Amino acid sequence: MGKIIAWLVLIFIVLLALRLVNQRKSRKQQRAAGAAGSTAVEPMVRCARCGVFLPRADAIQRAGEYACPDGQCVKR
């Protein structure tokens, strides 16, 4: 019975160590991606004609409202 408990404790310790190593790798990758600035978030706006959300840079602003570029509205 003592051997089974010892093996279970050993397996638990190995799995815990592997998890900690994996978390550190993940954090390093997130820091590298964040430092590169590749995760730029662009604000989204809703089209006044069709209701579809699109990036503000792609939208056309008319009379204080945003709209899809000409001829690209989604038909309902």
Protein backbone atom coordinates (compact mmCIF):
# COMPACT_ATOMS: atom_id res chain seq x y z
CA MET A 1 0.00 0.00 0.00
CA GLY A 2 2.89 2.34 0.76
CA LYS A 3 4.39 1.81 -2.70
CA ILE A 4 1.13 2.80 -4.41
CA ILE A 5 0.91 6.03 -2.43
CA ALA A 6 4.56 6.81 -3.16
CA TRP A 7 4.00 6.28 -6.90
CA LEU A 8 0.89 8.48 -6.84
CA VAL A 9 2.77 11.26 -5.05
CA LEU A 10 5.65 10.97 -7.54
CA ILE A 11 3.28 11.16 -10.52
CA PHE A 12 1.53 14.17 -8.97
CA ILE A 13 4.85 15.98 -8.50
CA VAL A 14 5.95 15.28 -12.09
CA LEU A 15 2.63 16.51 -13.50
CA LEU A 16 2.80 19.64 -11.35
CA ALA A 17 6.34 20.37 -12.55
CA LEU A 18 5.31 19.92 -16.19
CA ARG A 19 2.39 22.29 -15.71
CA LEU A 20 4.62 24.96 -14.18
CA VAL A 21 7.11 24.69 -17.04
CA ASN A 22 4.29 24.98 -19.58
CA GLN A 23 2.89 28.09 -17.85
CA ARG A 24 6.28 29.80 -17.95
CA LYS A 25 6.64 29.09 -21.67
CA SER A 26 3.18 30.48 -22.29
CA ARG A 27 3.91 33.67 -20.35
CA LYS A 28 7.15 34.22 -22.27
CA GLN A 29 5.31 33.85 -25.59
CA GLN A 30 2.61 36.30 -24.49
CA ARG A 31 5.22 38.85 -23.43
CA ALA A 32 7.05 38.49 -26.74
CA ALA A 33 3.82 38.96 -28.70
CA GLY A 34 2.83 41.95 -26.59
CA ALA A 35 6.22 43.60 -26.98
CA ALA A 36 6.04 43.24 -30.75
CA GLY A 37 2.75 45.13 -30.77
CA SER A 38 1.09 42.60 -33.05
CA THR A 39 -2.12 42.61 -31.01
CA ALA A 40 -3.50 45.96 -32.15
CA VAL A 41 -7.20 46.29 -31.44
CA GLU A 42 -9.30 48.36 -33.79
CA PRO A 43 -12.64 49.83 -32.65
CA MET A 44 -15.76 48.43 -34.29
CA VAL A 45 -18.81 50.45 -35.35
CA ARG A 46 -22.30 49.42 -36.42
CA CYS A 47 -23.60 50.21 -39.90
CA ALA A 48 -26.70 52.42 -39.72
CA ARG A 49 -28.17 50.77 -42.85
CA CYS A 50 -27.70 47.03 -42.31
CA GLY A 51 -26.60 46.73 -38.66
CA VAL A 52 -23.37 44.83 -39.36
CA PHE A 53 -20.31 45.65 -37.24
CA LEU A 54 -17.19 46.64 -39.16
CA PRO A 55 -13.83 48.27 -38.33
CA ARG A 56 -14.09 52.03 -38.01
CA ALA A 57 -11.28 52.50 -40.54
CA ASP A 58 -13.35 50.67 -43.19
CA ALA A 59 -16.62 52.51 -42.43
CA ILE A 60 -17.90 55.66 -44.06
CA GLN A 61 -19.20 58.37 -41.75
CA ARG A 62 -22.30 60.19 -42.95
CA ALA A 63 -24.38 62.60 -40.88
CA GLY A 64 -22.83 61.39 -37.65
CA GLU A 65 -23.54 57.70 -38.39
CA TYR A 66 -21.31 55.01 -39.77
CA ALA A 67 -22.14 52.95 -42.86
CA CYS A 68 -20.62 50.17 -44.94
CA PRO A 69 -18.60 51.24 -47.97
CA ASP A 70 -20.85 51.89 -50.98
CA GLY A 71 -22.58 48.79 -52.29
CA GLN A 72 -21.34 46.46 -49.58
CA CYS A 73 -24.29 46.47 -47.14
CA VAL A 74 -25.60 43.07 -46.18
CA LYS A 75 -29.20 42.52 -47.27
CA ARG A 76 -31.62 41.24 -44.64
